[in-house]
């Protein structure tokens, strides 16, 4: 089973005082992943047009676009518009090793390639050892579980524990603060789950992407109603490999999840980050549309 989506993203910045010497690294172009998804067409643009642009691929294989503006700007828009073919994941059979056997399987991986589990087991820029989250993780699992069962147990437990609250946290909120508050958004819940998985020895990473959302029954779909989403990938042994979980929605990532980037935590896949010279504050707006092609009105 597969689905084609037309996707449009806009990230708009406006500045109280015109900003100069702006340099931004964008990760907003969906990935091509064999057997999972294909970018059929797509373009990343900047308005105004940049003075410098470099399209590249980062260490983890994520497409990047680096742009620079030398002129002073009161506002700038970054946009992605494209079409993606997404394939449904497999049938979900548990091919993972037992949780007790996982350290041995990790040790047998003699590689530091981007997909190697070794990159996703220790601390990373935004994630560190957290005894409280470690204790919570150990309460949710048992050594008799398979690695896949343990990851699913943590995903379901965090979905129950957290209240989704878009006003409770900021992009800089740490996993331990979100965990103590029991409130947050997909970024918070995902980073807590990654921390918890690593605490019990399961390599885990952050996935950034788009999620198709459905309007309430009987109501039309709203333009810009979707948002960039975050979920988790866990390495479940040599046979199972990487498996993706969406703890915000207590499901496996599936046909409605379009992947933009893989990383150790949010810092590796932030949609935009950079530097500029400015005085005063700024405002940011994110707008996303994820529309199945067969739902578009005929021309």
C-alpha atoms as a PDB file:
ATOM      1  CA  UNK A   1       0.000   0.000   0.000  1.00  0.00           C
ATOM      2  CA  UNK A   2       1.249   3.488  -0.800  1.00  0.00           C
ATOM      3  CA  UNK A   3       0.076   7.088  -0.880  1.00  0.00           C
ATOM      4  CA  UNK A   4       1.161  10.203  -2.771  1.00  0.00           C
ATOM      5  CA  UNK A   5       1.120  13.497  -0.872  1.00  0.00           C
ATOM      6  CA  UNK A   6       1.408  17.072  -2.020  1.00  0.00           C
ATOM      7  CA  UNK A   7       3.233  18.936   0.746  1.00  0.00           C
ATOM      8  CA  UNK A   8       3.762  22.632   1.304  1.00  0.00           C
ATOM      9  CA  UNK A   9       5.742  24.145   4.165  1.00  0.00           C
ATOM     10  CA  UNK A  10       6.317  27.796   4.969  1.00  0.00           C
ATOM     11  CA  UNK A  11       8.568  29.106   7.749  1.00  0.00           C
ATOM     12  CA  UNK A  12       8.226  32.875   8.030  1.00  0.00           C
ATOM     13  CA  UNK A  13      10.378  35.190  10.140  1.00  0.00           C
ATOM     14  CA  UNK A  14       9.679  38.859  10.836  1.00  0.00           C
ATOM     15  CA  UNK A  15      12.041  41.117  12.803  1.00  0.00           C
ATOM     16  CA  UNK A  16      11.331  44.105  15.037  1.00  0.00           C
ATOM     17  CA  UNK A  17      14.520  45.657  13.688  1.00  0.00           C
ATOM     18  CA  UNK A  18      15.880  44.720  10.236  1.00  0.00           C
ATOM     19  CA  UNK A  19      18.356  41.847  10.504  1.00  0.00           C
ATOM     20  CA  UNK A  20      21.631  41.671   8.610  1.00  0.00           C
ATOM     21  CA  UNK A  21      24.167  38.995   7.666  1.00  0.00           C
ATOM     22  CA  UNK A  22      21.649  36.198   8.021  1.00  0.00           C
ATOM     23  CA  UNK A  23      22.840  32.630   7.425  1.00  0.00           C
ATOM     24  CA  UNK A  24      20.380  29.746   7.763  1.00  0.00           C
ATOM     25  CA  UNK A  25      20.675  25.971   7.465  1.00  0.00           C
ATOM     26  CA  UNK A  26      17.397  24.365   6.374  1.00  0.00           C
ATOM     27  CA  UNK A  27      16.375  20.725   6.728  1.00  0.00           C
ATOM     28  CA  UNK A  28      12.911  20.736   5.193  1.00  0.00           C
ATOM     29  CA  UNK A  29      13.306  18.592   2.061  1.00  0.00           C
ATOM     30  CA  UNK A  30      11.904  15.035   2.472  1.00  0.00           C
ATOM     31  CA  UNK A  31      14.372  12.177   2.098  1.00  0.00           C
ATOM     32  CA  UNK A  32      14.529   9.485  -0.545  1.00  0.00           C
ATOM     33  CA  UNK A  33      14.550   6.172   1.334  1.00  0.00           C
ATOM     34  CA  UNK A  34      14.558   2.903  -0.569  1.00  0.00           C
ATOM     35  CA  UNK A  35      11.409   0.921   0.121  1.00  0.00           C
ATOM     36  CA  UNK A  36       9.916   3.674   2.310  1.00  0.00           C
ATOM     37  CA  UNK A  37       9.431   6.896   0.405  1.00  0.00           C
ATOM     38  CA  UNK A  38      10.421   8.750  -2.743  1.00  0.00           C
ATOM     39  CA  UNK A  39      10.609  12.469  -3.371  1.00  0.00           C
ATOM     40  CA  UNK A  40       8.858  12.704  -6.737  1.00  0.00           C
ATOM     41  CA  UNK A  41       9.390  16.454  -7.058  1.00  0.00           C
ATOM     42  CA  UNK A  42      10.264  19.270  -4.729  1.00  0.00           C
ATOM     43  CA  UNK A  43      11.966  22.601  -4.350  1.00  0.00           C
ATOM     44  CA  UNK A  44      13.157  24.691  -1.413  1.00  0.00           C
ATOM     45  CA  UNK A  45      12.982  28.458  -1.945  1.00  0.00           C
ATOM     46  CA  UNK A  46      13.716  31.637  -0.044  1.00  0.00           C
ATOM     47  CA  UNK A  47      11.940  34.979  -0.361  1.00  0.00           C
ATOM     48  CA  UNK A  48      13.820  37.216  -0.820  1.00  0.00           C
ATOM     49  CA  UNK A  49      16.260  35.192  -2.889  1.00  0.00           C
ATOM     50  CA  UNK A  50      19.563  34.549  -1.062  1.00  0.00           C
ATOM     51  CA  UNK A  51      22.949  35.973  -1.957  1.00  0.00           C
ATOM     52  CA  UNK A  52      24.464  32.517  -1.386  1.00  0.00           C
ATOM     53  CA  UNK A  53      23.021  29.010  -1.529  1.00  0.00           C
ATOM     54  CA  UNK A  54      24.509  25.538  -1.074  1.00  0.00           C
ATOM     55  CA  UNK A  55      22.511  22.306  -1.413  1.00  0.00           C
ATOM     56  CA  UNK A  56      24.186  19.413   0.379  1.00  0.00           C
ATOM     57  CA  UNK A  57      23.736  16.190   2.381  1.00  0.00           C
ATOM     58  CA  UNK A  58      24.686  15.956   6.062  1.00  0.00           C
ATOM     59  CA  UNK A  59      26.374  13.042   7.883  1.00  0.00           C
ATOM     60  CA  UNK A  60      23.079  11.235   8.523  1.00  0.00           C
ATOM     61  CA  UNK A  61      22.019  11.533   4.883  1.00  0.00           C
ATOM     62  CA  UNK A  62      19.547  14.379   5.359  1.00  0.00           C
ATOM     63  CA  UNK A  63      19.224  16.915   2.518  1.00  0.00           C
ATOM     64  CA  UNK A  64      20.289  20.405   3.604  1.00  0.00           C
ATOM     65  CA  UNK A  65      20.002  23.844   2.063  1.00  0.00           C
ATOM     66  CA  UNK A  66      22.279  26.586   3.375  1.00  0.00           C
ATOM     67  CA  UNK A  67      21.358  30.158   2.435  1.00  0.00           C
ATOM     68  CA  UNK A  68      22.813  33.564   3.274  1.00  0.00           C
ATOM     69  CA  UNK A  69      21.400  37.072   2.978  1.00  0.00           C
ATOM     70  CA  UNK A  70      23.748  40.029   3.190  1.00  0.00           C
ATOM     71  CA  UNK A  71      21.125  42.781   2.883  1.00  0.00           C
ATOM     72  CA  UNK A  72      19.111  43.916   5.907  1.00  0.00           C
ATOM     73  CA  UNK A  73      15.755  42.120   6.103  1.00  0.00           C
ATOM     74  CA  UNK A  74      12.526  42.926   7.915  1.00  0.00           C
ATOM     75  CA  UNK A  75      11.121  39.520   7.001  1.00  0.00           C
ATOM     76  CA  UNK A  76      12.118  36.345   5.212  1.00  0.00           C
ATOM     77  CA  UNK A  77      10.160  33.274   4.110  1.00  0.00           C
ATOM     78  CA  UNK A  78      11.528  29.781   3.559  1.00  0.00           C
ATOM     79  CA  UNK A  79       9.323  27.362   1.673  1.00  0.00           C
ATOM     80  CA  UNK A  80       9.223  23.763   0.527  1.00  0.00           C
ATOM     81  CA  UNK A  81       6.709  22.568  -2.026  1.00  0.00           C
ATOM     82  CA  UNK A  82       6.731  19.100  -3.478  1.00  0.00           C
ATOM     83  CA  UNK A  83       5.211  15.673  -3.986  1.00  0.00           C
ATOM     84  CA  UNK A  84       6.181  12.532  -2.044  1.00  0.00           C
ATOM     85  CA  UNK A  85       5.332   8.870  -2.562  1.00  0.00           C
ATOM     86  CA  UNK A  86       5.086   7.115   0.800  1.00  0.00           C
ATOM     87  CA  UNK A  87       4.962   3.320   1.164  1.00  0.00           C
ATOM     88  CA  UNK A  88       3.362   1.591   4.121  1.00  0.00           C
ATOM     89  CA  UNK A  89       5.799  -0.186   6.487  1.00  0.00           C
ATOM     90  CA  UNK A  90       5.875  -3.957   6.776  1.00  0.00           C
ATOM     91  CA  UNK A  91       3.432  -6.113   8.692  1.00  0.00           C
ATOM     92  CA  UNK A  92       5.069  -5.506  12.058  1.00  0.00           C
ATOM     93  CA  UNK A  93       6.314  -9.015  12.826  1.00  0.00           C
ATOM     94  CA  UNK A  94       8.599  -9.051  15.861  1.00  0.00           C
ATOM     95  CA  UNK A  95      12.006 -10.062  14.523  1.00  0.00           C
ATOM     96  CA  UNK A  96      13.855  -8.274  17.295  1.00  0.00           C
ATOM     97  CA  UNK A  97      16.238  -9.927  19.697  1.00  0.00           C
ATOM     98  CA  UNK A  98      15.553 -10.221  23.392  1.00  0.00           C
ATOM     99  CA  UNK A  99      16.391  -7.176  25.479  1.00  0.00           C
ATOM    100  CA  UNK A 100      19.076  -9.173  27.297  1.00  0.00           C
ATOM    101  CA  UNK A 101      20.729 -10.121  23.997  1.00  0.00           C
ATOM    102  CA  UNK A 102      20.762  -6.593  22.574  1.00  0.00           C
ATOM    103  CA  UNK A 103      24.168  -5.508  23.998  1.00  0.00           C
ATOM    104  CA  UNK A 104      25.818  -8.494  22.316  1.00  0.00           C
ATOM    105  CA  UNK A 105      24.198  -7.670  18.969  1.00  0.00           C
ATOM    106  CA  UNK A 106      25.278  -4.031  19.246  1.00  0.00           C
ATOM    107  CA  UNK A 107      28.855  -5.105  20.014  1.00  0.00           C
ATOM    108  CA  UNK A 108      28.906  -7.204  16.848  1.00  0.00           C
ATOM    109  CA  UNK A 109      28.267  -4.134  14.651  1.00  0.00           C
ATOM    110  CA  UNK A 110      31.739  -3.133  13.429  1.00  0.00           C
ATOM    111  CA  UNK A 111      30.676   0.060  11.707  1.00  0.00           C
ATOM    112  CA  UNK A 112      30.318   3.765  12.387  1.00  0.00           C
ATOM    113  CA  UNK A 113      28.293   4.421   9.232  1.00  0.00           C
ATOM    114  CA  UNK A 114      25.407   6.905   9.656  1.00  0.00           C
ATOM    115  CA  UNK A 115      22.930   4.080  10.354  1.00  0.00           C
ATOM    116  CA  UNK A 116      25.143   2.378  12.942  1.00  0.00           C
ATOM    117  CA  UNK A 117      23.450   1.987  16.345  1.00  0.00           C
ATOM    118  CA  UNK A 118      26.634   3.161  18.067  1.00  0.00           C
ATOM    119  CA  UNK A 119      25.810   6.802  17.272  1.00  0.00           C
ATOM    120  CA  UNK A 120      22.469   6.561  19.067  1.00  0.00           C
ATOM    121  CA  UNK A 121      23.271   4.961  22.396  1.00  0.00           C
ATOM    122  CA  UNK A 122      25.085   7.595  24.453  1.00  0.00           C
ATOM    123  CA  UNK A 123      24.593  11.257  25.228  1.00  0.00           C
ATOM    124  CA  UNK A 124      23.966  13.692  22.366  1.00  0.00           C
ATOM    125  CA  UNK A 125      23.836  17.504  22.187  1.00  0.00           C
ATOM    126  CA  UNK A 126      20.357  17.811  23.734  1.00  0.00           C
ATOM    127  CA  UNK A 127      20.076  14.498  25.571  1.00  0.00           C
ATOM    128  CA  UNK A 128      22.012  13.220  28.574  1.00  0.00           C
ATOM    129  CA  UNK A 129      21.762  10.638  31.325  1.00  0.00           C
ATOM    130  CA  UNK A 130      18.662  11.335  33.426  1.00  0.00           C
ATOM    131  CA  UNK A 131      18.224   9.119  36.516  1.00  0.00           C
ATOM    132  CA  UNK A 132      14.492   9.938  36.838  1.00  0.00           C
ATOM    133  CA  UNK A 133      13.775   8.946  33.258  1.00  0.00           C
ATOM    134  CA  UNK A 134      15.971   5.870  33.674  1.00  0.00           C
ATOM    135  CA  UNK A 135      13.930   4.752  36.694  1.00  0.00           C
ATOM    136  CA  UNK A 136      10.687   5.310  34.780  1.00  0.00           C
ATOM    137  CA  UNK A 137      11.988   3.277  31.832  1.00  0.00           C
ATOM    138  CA  UNK A 138      12.993   0.354  34.027  1.00  0.00           C
ATOM    139  CA  UNK A 139       9.492   0.301  35.550  1.00  0.00           C
ATOM    140  CA  UNK A 140       7.931   0.017  32.087  1.00  0.00           C
ATOM    141  CA  UNK A 141       9.932  -2.962  30.819  1.00  0.00           C
ATOM    142  CA  UNK A 142      11.253  -6.325  31.917  1.00  0.00           C
ATOM    143  CA  UNK A 143      14.336  -8.265  30.843  1.00  0.00           C
ATOM    144  CA  UNK A 144      12.109 -11.011  29.458  1.00  0.00           C
ATOM    145  CA  UNK A 145      10.731  -8.690  26.768  1.00  0.00           C
ATOM    146  CA  UNK A 146      11.955  -8.517  23.213  1.00  0.00           C
ATOM    147  CA  UNK A 147      13.553  -5.232  22.244  1.00  0.00           C
ATOM    148  CA  UNK A 148      10.530  -4.357  20.124  1.00  0.00           C
ATOM    149  CA  UNK A 149       8.152  -5.096  22.999  1.00  0.00           C
ATOM    150  CA  UNK A 150      10.196  -2.868  25.300  1.00  0.00           C
ATOM    151  CA  UNK A 151      10.148   0.030  22.837  1.00  0.00           C
ATOM    152  CA  UNK A 152       6.397  -0.324  22.336  1.00  0.00           C
ATOM    153  CA  UNK A 153       5.832  -0.443  26.092  1.00  0.00           C
ATOM    154  CA  UNK A 154       7.702   2.822  26.554  1.00  0.00           C
ATOM    155  CA  UNK A 155       5.827   4.479  23.697  1.00  0.00           C
ATOM    156  CA  UNK A 156       2.456   3.553  25.182  1.00  0.00           C
ATOM    157  CA  UNK A 157       3.518   4.528  28.710  1.00  0.00           C
ATOM    158  CA  UNK A 158       4.659   7.980  27.613  1.00  0.00           C
ATOM    159  CA  UNK A 159       1.489   8.525  25.630  1.00  0.00           C
ATOM    160  CA  UNK A 160      -0.480   7.836  28.799  1.00  0.00           C
ATOM    161  CA  UNK A 161       1.825   9.922  30.985  1.00  0.00           C
ATOM    162  CA  UNK A 162       1.909  13.081  28.855  1.00  0.00           C
ATOM    163  CA  UNK A 163      -0.810  15.599  28.158  1.00  0.00           C
ATOM    164  CA  UNK A 164      -0.307  17.226  24.764  1.00  0.00           C
ATOM    165  CA  UNK A 165      -0.020  20.954  25.444  1.00  0.00           C
ATOM    166  CA  UNK A 166       1.443  23.273  22.809  1.00  0.00           C
ATOM    167  CA  UNK A 167       1.799  26.081  25.347  1.00  0.00           C
ATOM    168  CA  UNK A 168       3.622  24.132  28.054  1.00  0.00           C
ATOM    169  CA  UNK A 169       7.105  24.007  26.529  1.00  0.00           C
ATOM    170  CA  UNK A 170       9.466  25.805  24.182  1.00  0.00           C
ATOM    171  CA  UNK A 171      11.934  24.491  21.617  1.00  0.00           C
ATOM    172  CA  UNK A 172      14.694  24.766  24.254  1.00  0.00           C
ATOM    173  CA  UNK A 173      12.820  22.815  26.962  1.00  0.00           C
ATOM    174  CA  UNK A 174      14.919  19.914  28.234  1.00  0.00           C
ATOM    175  CA  UNK A 175      13.566  16.351  28.334  1.00  0.00           C
ATOM    176  CA  UNK A 176      13.746  16.208  32.128  1.00  0.00           C
ATOM    177  CA  UNK A 177      11.717  19.416  32.502  1.00  0.00           C
ATOM    178  CA  UNK A 178       9.061  18.120  30.106  1.00  0.00           C
ATOM    179  CA  UNK A 179       9.052  14.748  31.887  1.00  0.00           C
ATOM    180  CA  UNK A 180       8.516  16.369  35.283  1.00  0.00           C
ATOM    181  CA  UNK A 181       5.746  18.593  33.923  1.00  0.00           C
ATOM    182  CA  UNK A 182       4.040  15.641  32.183  1.00  0.00           C
ATOM    183  CA  UNK A 183       3.106  18.073  29.419  1.00  0.00           C
ATOM    184  CA  UNK A 184       4.521  19.040  26.058  1.00  0.00           C
ATOM    185  CA  UNK A 185       4.465  18.527  22.303  1.00  0.00           C
ATOM    186  CA  UNK A 186       5.772  15.849  19.965  1.00  0.00           C
ATOM    187  CA  UNK A 187       9.359  17.104  20.254  1.00  0.00           C
ATOM    188  CA  UNK A 188       9.264  16.779  24.048  1.00  0.00           C
ATOM    189  CA  UNK A 189       7.587  13.372  24.122  1.00  0.00           C
ATOM    190  CA  UNK A 190       9.952  12.005  21.483  1.00  0.00           C
ATOM    191  CA  UNK A 191      13.095  13.246  23.223  1.00  0.00           C
ATOM    192  CA  UNK A 192      11.919  11.789  26.542  1.00  0.00           C
ATOM    193  CA  UNK A 193      11.326   8.449  24.811  1.00  0.00           C
ATOM    194  CA  UNK A 194      14.763   8.536  23.177  1.00  0.00           C
ATOM    195  CA  UNK A 195      16.345   9.232  26.559  1.00  0.00           C
ATOM    196  CA  UNK A 196      14.353   6.395  28.141  1.00  0.00           C
ATOM    197  CA  UNK A 197      15.313   3.922  25.416  1.00  0.00           C
ATOM    198  CA  UNK A 198      18.992   4.759  25.704  1.00  0.00           C
ATOM    199  CA  UNK A 199      18.812   4.367  29.475  1.00  0.00           C
ATOM    200  CA  UNK A 200      17.820   0.713  29.046  1.00  0.00           C
ATOM    201  CA  UNK A 201      20.407   0.094  26.329  1.00  0.00           C
ATOM    202  CA  UNK A 202      18.287   0.516  23.182  1.00  0.00           C
ATOM    203  CA  UNK A 203      19.857   2.781  20.528  1.00  0.00           C
ATOM    204  CA  UNK A 204      17.331   5.463  19.628  1.00  0.00           C
ATOM    205  CA  UNK A 205      17.159   8.509  17.391  1.00  0.00           C
ATOM    206  CA  UNK A 206      14.954  11.429  16.476  1.00  0.00           C
ATOM    207  CA  UNK A 207      12.852  11.601  13.307  1.00  0.00           C
ATOM    208  CA  UNK A 208      11.617  14.897  11.886  1.00  0.00           C
ATOM    209  CA  UNK A 209       8.929  14.982   9.248  1.00  0.00           C
ATOM    210  CA  UNK A 210       5.372  15.664   8.251  1.00  0.00           C
ATOM    211  CA  UNK A 211       2.215  14.005   9.543  1.00  0.00           C
ATOM    212  CA  UNK A 212      -1.013  13.935   7.633  1.00  0.00           C
ATOM    213  CA  UNK A 213      -3.813  15.018   9.949  1.00  0.00           C
ATOM    214  CA  UNK A 214      -7.517  14.498   9.431  1.00  0.00           C
ATOM    215  CA  UNK A 215     -10.199  17.151  10.081  1.00  0.00           C
ATOM    216  CA  UNK A 216     -13.141  16.395  12.366  1.00  0.00           C
ATOM    217  CA  UNK A 217     -15.795  14.275  10.683  1.00  0.00           C
ATOM    218  CA  UNK A 218     -18.010  16.310   8.427  1.00  0.00           C
ATOM    219  CA  UNK A 219     -15.732  19.349   8.382  1.00  0.00           C
ATOM    220  CA  UNK A 220     -13.494  20.521   5.532  1.00  0.00           C
ATOM    221  CA  UNK A 221      -9.746  20.298   5.824  1.00  0.00           C
ATOM    222  CA  UNK A 222      -8.177  23.617   6.873  1.00  0.00           C
ATOM    223  CA  UNK A 223      -5.255  25.101   4.950  1.00  0.00           C
ATOM    224  CA  UNK A 224      -2.137  25.159   7.106  1.00  0.00           C
ATOM    225  CA  UNK A 225      -3.681  22.850   9.710  1.00  0.00           C
ATOM    226  CA  UNK A 226      -0.819  20.362   9.649  1.00  0.00           C
ATOM    227  CA  UNK A 227       2.536  20.878  11.323  1.00  0.00           C
ATOM    228  CA  UNK A 228       5.994  19.408  11.258  1.00  0.00           C
ATOM    229  CA  UNK A 229       6.044  16.373  13.491  1.00  0.00           C
ATOM    230  CA  UNK A 230       8.580  14.382  15.493  1.00  0.00           C
ATOM    231  CA  UNK A 231       8.771  10.717  16.325  1.00  0.00           C
ATOM    232  CA  UNK A 232      11.325   8.068  17.350  1.00  0.00           C
ATOM    233  CA  UNK A 233      13.352   5.310  15.722  1.00  0.00           C
ATOM    234  CA  UNK A 234      14.743   2.462  17.806  1.00  0.00           C
ATOM    235  CA  UNK A 235      17.352  -0.101  16.757  1.00  0.00           C
ATOM    236  CA  UNK A 236      15.838  -3.458  17.678  1.00  0.00           C
ATOM    237  CA  UNK A 237      18.636  -5.832  16.749  1.00  0.00           C
ATOM    238  CA  UNK A 238      20.326  -7.079  13.588  1.00  0.00           C
ATOM    239  CA  UNK A 239      17.261  -8.781  12.104  1.00  0.00           C
ATOM    240  CA  UNK A 240      14.660  -6.123  12.953  1.00  0.00           C
ATOM    241  CA  UNK A 241      16.875  -3.093  12.376  1.00  0.00           C
ATOM    242  CA  UNK A 242      15.386   0.370  12.847  1.00  0.00           C
ATOM    243  CA  UNK A 243      11.701   0.568  13.819  1.00  0.00           C
ATOM    244  CA  UNK A 244       9.820   3.876  14.105  1.00  0.00           C
ATOM    245  CA  UNK A 245       7.367   4.779  16.864  1.00  0.00           C
ATOM    246  CA  UNK A 246       5.110   7.806  17.316  1.00  0.00           C
ATOM    247  CA  UNK A 247       4.643   8.095  21.102  1.00  0.00           C
ATOM    248  CA  UNK A 248       2.575  11.270  20.754  1.00  0.00           C
ATOM    249  CA  UNK A 249      -0.129   9.208  19.080  1.00  0.00           C
ATOM    250  CA  UNK A 250       0.686   5.771  20.576  1.00  0.00           C
ATOM    251  CA  UNK A 251       1.224   4.198  17.153  1.00  0.00           C
ATOM    252  CA  UNK A 252       3.981   2.916  14.903  1.00  0.00           C
ATOM    253  CA  UNK A 253       5.005   5.437  12.279  1.00  0.00           C
ATOM    254  CA  UNK A 254       3.193   4.528   9.088  1.00  0.00           C
ATOM    255  CA  UNK A 255       1.696   5.674   5.834  1.00  0.00           C
ATOM    256  CA  UNK A 256       0.769   9.117   7.204  1.00  0.00           C
ATOM    257  CA  UNK A 257       4.344   9.890   8.329  1.00  0.00           C
ATOM    258  CA  UNK A 258       6.639  11.544   5.757  1.00  0.00           C
ATOM    259  CA  UNK A 259      10.306  11.549   6.793  1.00  0.00           C
ATOM    260  CA  UNK A 260      12.458  14.664   6.453  1.00  0.00           C
ATOM    261  CA  UNK A 261      15.429  13.841   8.660  1.00  0.00           C
ATOM    262  CA  UNK A 262      17.090  11.357  11.020  1.00  0.00           C
ATOM    263  CA  UNK A 263      19.339  12.452  13.880  1.00  0.00           C
ATOM    264  CA  UNK A 264      20.435  11.819  17.430  1.00  0.00           C
ATOM    265  CA  UNK A 265      18.088  14.511  18.769  1.00  0.00           C
ATOM    266  CA  UNK A 266      16.352  17.696  17.619  1.00  0.00           C
ATOM    267  CA  UNK A 267      19.624  19.563  17.154  1.00  0.00           C
ATOM    268  CA  UNK A 268      20.567  17.284  14.241  1.00  0.00           C
ATOM    269  CA  UNK A 269      17.312  17.830  12.322  1.00  0.00           C
ATOM    270  CA  UNK A 270      15.979  21.284  13.282  1.00  0.00           C
ATOM    271  CA  UNK A 271      14.015  22.629  10.281  1.00  0.00           C
ATOM    272  CA  UNK A 272      15.954  25.887  10.387  1.00  0.00           C
ATOM    273  CA  UNK A 273      18.838  27.202  12.423  1.00  0.00           C
ATOM    274  CA  UNK A 274      21.448  29.834  11.869  1.00  0.00           C
ATOM    275  CA  UNK A 275      22.782  33.224  12.834  1.00  0.00           C
ATOM    276  CA  UNK A 276      22.104  36.894  12.121  1.00  0.00           C
ATOM    277  CA  UNK A 277      22.790  40.400  13.370  1.00  0.00           C
ATOM    278  CA  UNK A 278      19.699  42.066  14.777  1.00  0.00           C
ATOM    279  CA  UNK A 279      18.303  44.258  17.522  1.00  0.00           C
ATOM    280  CA  UNK A 280      15.054  43.452  19.260  1.00  0.00           C
ATOM    281  CA  UNK A 281      12.825  40.432  18.951  1.00  0.00           C
ATOM    282  CA  UNK A 282      11.375  38.418  16.119  1.00  0.00           C
ATOM    283  CA  UNK A 283       8.260  36.415  15.301  1.00  0.00           C
ATOM    284  CA  UNK A 284       8.170  32.975  13.671  1.00  0.00           C
ATOM    285  CA  UNK A 285       5.263  31.260  11.927  1.00  0.00           C
ATOM    286  CA  UNK A 286       5.154  27.697  10.648  1.00  0.00           C
ATOM    287  CA  UNK A 287       2.472  26.574   8.197  1.00  0.00           C
ATOM    288  CA  UNK A 288       2.229  23.086   6.694  1.00  0.00           C
ATOM    289  CA  UNK A 289      -0.200  21.391   4.325  1.00  0.00           C
ATOM    290  CA  UNK A 290      -0.044  17.624   3.747  1.00  0.00           C
ATOM    291  CA  UNK A 291      -2.715  16.657   1.217  1.00  0.00           C
ATOM    292  CA  UNK A 292      -3.201  13.192  -0.306  1.00  0.00           C
ATOM    293  CA  UNK A 293      -3.285  13.584  -4.080  1.00  0.00           C
ATOM    294  CA  UNK A 294      -6.585  11.699  -4.373  1.00  0.00           C
ATOM    295  CA  UNK A 295      -8.213  14.222  -1.986  1.00  0.00           C
ATOM    296  CA  UNK A 296      -7.454  17.246  -4.167  1.00  0.00           C
ATOM    297  CA  UNK A 297     -10.453  18.825  -5.827  1.00  0.00           C
ATOM    298  CA  UNK A 298     -10.487  18.275  -9.610  1.00  0.00           C
ATOM    299  CA  UNK A 299      -9.229  21.207 -11.662  1.00  0.00           C
END
